[in-house]
Amino acid sequence: MFYRTDKNDHGLPHNPFKAIVAPRPIGWISAVNRKGEINLSPYSYFNAVGDR
């Protein structure tokens, strides 16, 4: 995909690349259950980013 930043032909009222919601990884959460099985999952937080 190539997005031309010099044209505004997407039909939206605002530029979609100037206002997004993006995940922000914070860390990893790990646990071990009673059977000894390991679980590892990412912990993240979503931030709203805008230019206005």
PDB file of N, CA and C in Angstrom:
ATOM      1  N   MET A   1       0.833  -1.167   0.000  1.00  0.00           N
ATOM      2  CA  MET A   1       0.000   0.000   0.000  1.00  0.00           C
ATOM      3  C   MET A   1       0.884   1.238   0.000  1.00  0.00           C
ATOM      4  N   PHE A   2       0.542   2.195  -0.822  1.00  0.00           N
ATOM      5  CA  PHE A   2       1.245   3.473  -0.839  1.00  0.00           C
ATOM      6  C   PHE A   2       0.218   4.568  -0.611  1.00  0.00           C
ATOM      7  N   TYR A   3       0.438   5.395   0.368  1.00  0.00           N
ATOM      8  CA  TYR A   3      -0.490   6.478   0.707  1.00  0.00           C
ATOM      9  C   TYR A   3       0.133   7.800   0.302  1.00  0.00           C
ATOM     10  N   ARG A   4      -0.536   8.497  -0.591  1.00  0.00           N
ATOM     11  CA  ARG A   4      -0.030   9.790  -1.064  1.00  0.00           C
ATOM     12  C   ARG A   4      -0.441  10.870  -0.079  1.00  0.00           C
ATOM     13  N   THR A   5       0.517  11.432   0.606  1.00  0.00           N
ATOM     14  CA  THR A   5       0.223  12.468   1.599  1.00  0.00           C
ATOM     15  C   THR A   5      -0.028  13.829   0.973  1.00  0.00           C
ATOM     16  N   ASP A   6       0.340  14.004  -0.295  1.00  0.00           N
ATOM     17  CA  ASP A   6       0.115  15.296  -0.939  1.00  0.00           C
ATOM     18  C   ASP A   6      -1.303  15.443  -1.487  1.00  0.00           C
ATOM     19  N   LYS A   7      -2.091  14.359  -1.481  1.00  0.00           N
ATOM     20  CA  LYS A   7      -3.478  14.402  -1.956  1.00  0.00           C
ATOM     21  C   LYS A   7      -4.419  14.029  -0.816  1.00  0.00           C
ATOM     22  N   ASN A   8      -5.606  14.604  -0.839  1.00  0.00           N
ATOM     23  CA  ASN A   8      -6.627  14.290   0.164  1.00  0.00           C
ATOM     24  C   ASN A   8      -7.830  13.699  -0.567  1.00  0.00           C
ATOM     25  N   ASP A   9      -7.633  12.549  -1.205  1.00  0.00           N
ATOM     26  CA  ASP A   9      -8.704  11.947  -1.998  1.00  0.00           C
ATOM     27  C   ASP A   9      -9.320  10.708  -1.347  1.00  0.00           C
ATOM     28  N   HIS A  10      -9.190  10.570  -0.042  1.00  0.00           N
ATOM     29  CA  HIS A  10      -9.736   9.394   0.638  1.00  0.00           C
ATOM     30  C   HIS A  10     -11.210   9.567   0.996  1.00  0.00           C
ATOM     31  N   GLY A  11     -11.761  10.773   0.876  1.00  0.00           N
ATOM     32  CA  GLY A  11     -13.178  11.002   1.130  1.00  0.00           C
ATOM     33  C   GLY A  11     -13.552  11.161   2.586  1.00  0.00           C
ATOM     34  N   LEU A  12     -12.598  11.186   3.470  1.00  0.00           N
ATOM     35  CA  LEU A  12     -12.872  11.344   4.891  1.00  0.00           C
ATOM     36  C   LEU A  12     -12.691  12.806   5.296  1.00  0.00           C
ATOM     37  N   PRO A  13     -13.388  13.264   6.351  1.00  0.00           N
ATOM     38  CA  PRO A  13     -13.249  14.661   6.760  1.00  0.00           C
ATOM     39  C   PRO A  13     -11.881  14.999   7.338  1.00  0.00           C
ATOM     40  N   HIS A  14     -11.174  13.999   7.871  1.00  0.00           N
ATOM     41  CA  HIS A  14      -9.849  14.222   8.455  1.00  0.00           C
ATOM     42  C   HIS A  14      -8.878  13.181   7.910  1.00  0.00           C
ATOM     43  N   ASN A  15      -7.619  13.488   7.951  1.00  0.00           N
ATOM     44  CA  ASN A  15      -6.590  12.565   7.490  1.00  0.00           C
ATOM     45  C   ASN A  15      -6.493  11.389   8.461  1.00  0.00           C
ATOM     46  N   PRO A  16      -6.696  10.141   8.001  1.00  0.00           N
ATOM     47  CA  PRO A  16      -6.682   9.000   8.920  1.00  0.00           C
ATOM     48  C   PRO A  16      -5.310   8.720   9.533  1.00  0.00           C
ATOM     49  N   PHE A  17      -4.237   9.194   8.943  1.00  0.00           N
ATOM     50  CA  PHE A  17      -2.909   8.957   9.484  1.00  0.00           C
ATOM     51  C   PHE A  17      -2.491  10.006  10.497  1.00  0.00           C
ATOM     52  N   LYS A  18      -3.317  11.032  10.709  1.00  0.00           N
ATOM     53  CA  LYS A  18      -3.002  12.052  11.705  1.00  0.00           C
ATOM     54  C   LYS A  18      -3.758  11.839  13.006  1.00  0.00           C
ATOM     55  N   ALA A  19      -4.718  10.929  13.033  1.00  0.00           N
ATOM     56  CA  ALA A  19      -5.474  10.632  14.246  1.00  0.00           C
ATOM     57  C   ALA A  19      -5.763   9.137  14.275  1.00  0.00           C
ATOM     58  N   ILE A  20      -5.102   8.417  15.152  1.00  0.00           N
ATOM     59  CA  ILE A  20      -5.260   6.970  15.224  1.00  0.00           C
ATOM     60  C   ILE A  20      -5.333   6.525  16.679  1.00  0.00           C
ATOM     61  N   VAL A  21      -5.763   5.313  16.872  1.00  0.00           N
ATOM     62  CA  VAL A  21      -5.678   4.656  18.173  1.00  0.00           C
ATOM     63  C   VAL A  21      -4.648   3.548  18.012  1.00  0.00           C
ATOM     64  N   ALA A  22      -3.611   3.599  18.813  1.00  0.00           N
ATOM     65  CA  ALA A  22      -2.504   2.663  18.640  1.00  0.00           C
ATOM     66  C   ALA A  22      -2.206   1.926  19.940  1.00  0.00           C
ATOM     67  N   PRO A  23      -1.908   0.626  19.857  1.00  0.00           N
ATOM     68  CA  PRO A  23      -1.521  -0.097  21.073  1.00  0.00           C
ATOM     69  C   PRO A  23      -0.125   0.315  21.524  1.00  0.00           C
ATOM     70  N   ARG A  24       0.029   0.423  22.812  1.00  0.00           N
ATOM     71  CA  ARG A  24       1.334   0.767  23.382  1.00  0.00           C
ATOM     72  C   ARG A  24       1.752  -0.369  24.299  1.00  0.00           C
ATOM     73  N   PRO A  25       2.681  -1.222  23.853  1.00  0.00           N
ATOM     74  CA  PRO A  25       3.086  -2.333  24.716  1.00  0.00           C
ATOM     75  C   PRO A  25       3.788  -1.838  25.969  1.00  0.00           C
ATOM     76  N   ILE A  26       3.428  -2.405  27.095  1.00  0.00           N
ATOM     77  CA  ILE A  26       4.004  -2.009  28.377  1.00  0.00           C
ATOM     78  C   ILE A  26       4.923  -3.096  28.923  1.00  0.00           C
ATOM     79  N   GLY A  27       4.509  -4.339  28.838  1.00  0.00           N
ATOM     80  CA  GLY A  27       5.339  -5.403  29.386  1.00  0.00           C
ATOM     81  C   GLY A  27       4.726  -6.767  29.148  1.00  0.00           C
ATOM     82  N   TRP A  28       5.344  -7.762  29.724  1.00  0.00           N
ATOM     83  CA  TRP A  28       4.884  -9.136  29.624  1.00  0.00           C
ATOM     84  C   TRP A  28       4.423  -9.617  30.997  1.00  0.00           C
ATOM     85  N   ILE A  29       3.320 -10.343  31.023  1.00  0.00           N
ATOM     86  CA  ILE A  29       2.793 -10.945  32.245  1.00  0.00           C
ATOM     87  C   ILE A  29       2.956 -12.459  32.105  1.00  0.00           C
ATOM     88  N   SER A  30       3.598 -13.071  33.086  1.00  0.00           N
ATOM     89  CA  SER A  30       3.790 -14.519  33.023  1.00  0.00           C
ATOM     90  C   SER A  30       3.216 -15.170  34.275  1.00  0.00           C
ATOM     91  N   ALA A  31       2.787 -16.403  34.095  1.00  0.00           N
ATOM     92  CA  ALA A  31       2.234 -17.166  35.207  1.00  0.00           C
ATOM     93  C   ALA A  31       2.495 -18.648  34.969  1.00  0.00           C
ATOM     94  N   VAL A  32       2.532 -19.397  36.053  1.00  0.00           N
ATOM     95  CA  VAL A  32       2.673 -20.850  35.995  1.00  0.00           C
ATOM     96  C   VAL A  32       1.537 -21.435  36.824  1.00  0.00           C
ATOM     97  N   ASN A  33       0.738 -22.331  36.200  1.00  0.00           N
ATOM     98  CA  ASN A  33      -0.372 -22.912  36.954  1.00  0.00           C
ATOM     99  C   ASN A  33       0.102 -24.110  37.786  1.00  0.00           C
ATOM    100  N   ARG A  34      -0.811 -24.762  38.464  1.00  0.00           N
ATOM    101  CA  ARG A  34      -0.460 -25.869  39.367  1.00  0.00           C
ATOM    102  C   ARG A  34       0.081 -27.085  38.629  1.00  0.00           C
ATOM    103  N   LYS A  35      -0.246 -27.205  37.350  1.00  0.00           N
ATOM    104  CA  LYS A  35       0.267 -28.316  36.541  1.00  0.00           C
ATOM    105  C   LYS A  35       1.660 -28.022  35.989  1.00  0.00           C
ATOM    106  N   GLY A  36       2.161 -26.816  36.205  1.00  0.00           N
ATOM    107  CA  GLY A  36       3.472 -26.439  35.691  1.00  0.00           C
ATOM    108  C   GLY A  36       3.440 -25.840  34.297  1.00  0.00           C
ATOM    109  N   GLU A  37       2.231 -25.590  33.782  1.00  0.00           N
ATOM    110  CA  GLU A  37       2.104 -24.995  32.455  1.00  0.00           C
ATOM    111  C   GLU A  37       2.382 -23.495  32.537  1.00  0.00           C
ATOM    112  N   ILE A  38       3.135 -23.012  31.580  1.00  0.00           N
ATOM    113  CA  ILE A  38       3.543 -21.608  31.574  1.00  0.00           C
ATOM    114  C   ILE A  38       2.641 -20.814  30.637  1.00  0.00           C
ATOM    115  N   ASN A  39       2.236 -19.638  31.072  1.00  0.00           N
ATOM    116  CA  ASN A  39       1.446 -18.732  30.255  1.00  0.00           C
ATOM    117  C   ASN A  39       2.171 -17.394  30.203  1.00  0.00           C
ATOM    118  N   LEU A  40       2.390 -16.892  29.001  1.00  0.00           N
ATOM    119  CA  LEU A  40       3.040 -15.602  28.802  1.00  0.00           C
ATOM    120  C   LEU A  40       2.164 -14.774  27.876  1.00  0.00           C
ATOM    121  N   SER A  41       1.789 -13.570  28.306  1.00  0.00           N
ATOM    122  CA  SER A  41       0.932 -12.725  27.478  1.00  0.00           C
ATOM    123  C   SER A  41       1.374 -11.270  27.566  1.00  0.00           C
ATOM    124  N   PRO A  42       1.175 -10.518  26.477  1.00  0.00           N
ATOM    125  CA  PRO A  42       1.567  -9.107  26.504  1.00  0.00           C
ATOM    126  C   PRO A  42       0.535  -8.277  27.258  1.00  0.00           C
ATOM    127  N   TYR A  43       1.004  -7.296  27.964  1.00  0.00           N
ATOM    128  CA  TYR A  43       0.137  -6.334  28.626  1.00  0.00           C
ATOM    129  C   TYR A  43       0.312  -5.024  27.879  1.00  0.00           C
ATOM    130  N   SER A  44      -0.790  -4.455  27.424  1.00  0.00           N
ATOM    131  CA  SER A  44      -0.677  -3.224  26.651  1.00  0.00           C
ATOM    132  C   SER A  44      -1.794  -2.266  27.026  1.00  0.00           C
ATOM    133  N   TYR A  45      -1.648  -1.056  26.570  1.00  0.00           N
ATOM    134  CA  TYR A  45      -2.626  -0.006  26.801  1.00  0.00           C
ATOM    135  C   TYR A  45      -2.807   0.738  25.495  1.00  0.00           C
ATOM    136  N   PHE A  46      -4.035   1.094  25.163  1.00  0.00           N
ATOM    137  CA  PHE A  46      -4.297   1.800  23.915  1.00  0.00           C
ATOM    138  C   PHE A  46      -4.299   3.299  24.160  1.00  0.00           C
ATOM    139  N   ASN A  47      -3.597   4.018  23.312  1.00  0.00           N
ATOM    140  CA  ASN A  47      -3.535   5.475  23.385  1.00  0.00           C
ATOM    141  C   ASN A  47      -4.236   6.071  22.177  1.00  0.00           C
ATOM    142  N   ALA A  48      -4.934   7.150  22.397  1.00  0.00           N
ATOM    143  CA  ALA A  48      -5.504   7.920  21.296  1.00  0.00           C
ATOM    144  C   ALA A  48      -4.502   9.001  20.922  1.00  0.00           C
ATOM    145  N   VAL A  49      -4.174   9.062  19.654  1.00  0.00           N
ATOM    146  CA  VAL A  49      -3.177  10.017  19.175  1.00  0.00           C
ATOM    147  C   VAL A  49      -3.848  10.918  18.148  1.00  0.00           C
ATOM    148  N   GLY A  50      -3.688  12.221  18.307  1.00  0.00           N
ATOM    149  CA  GLY A  50      -4.277  13.157  17.353  1.00  0.00           C
ATOM    150  C   GLY A  50      -3.429  14.395  17.197  1.00  0.00           C
ATOM    151  N   ASP A  51      -3.728  15.158  16.161  1.00  0.00           N
ATOM    152  CA  ASP A  51      -2.962  16.381  15.924  1.00  0.00           C
ATOM    153  C   ASP A  51      -3.740  17.636  16.292  1.00  0.00           C
ATOM    154  N   ARG A  52      -4.908  17.495  16.902  1.00  0.00           N
ATOM    155  CA  ARG A  52      -5.711  18.663  17.276  1.00  0.00           C
ATOM    156  C   ARG A  52      -5.956  18.701  18.750  1.00  0.00           C
TER     157      ARG A  52
END
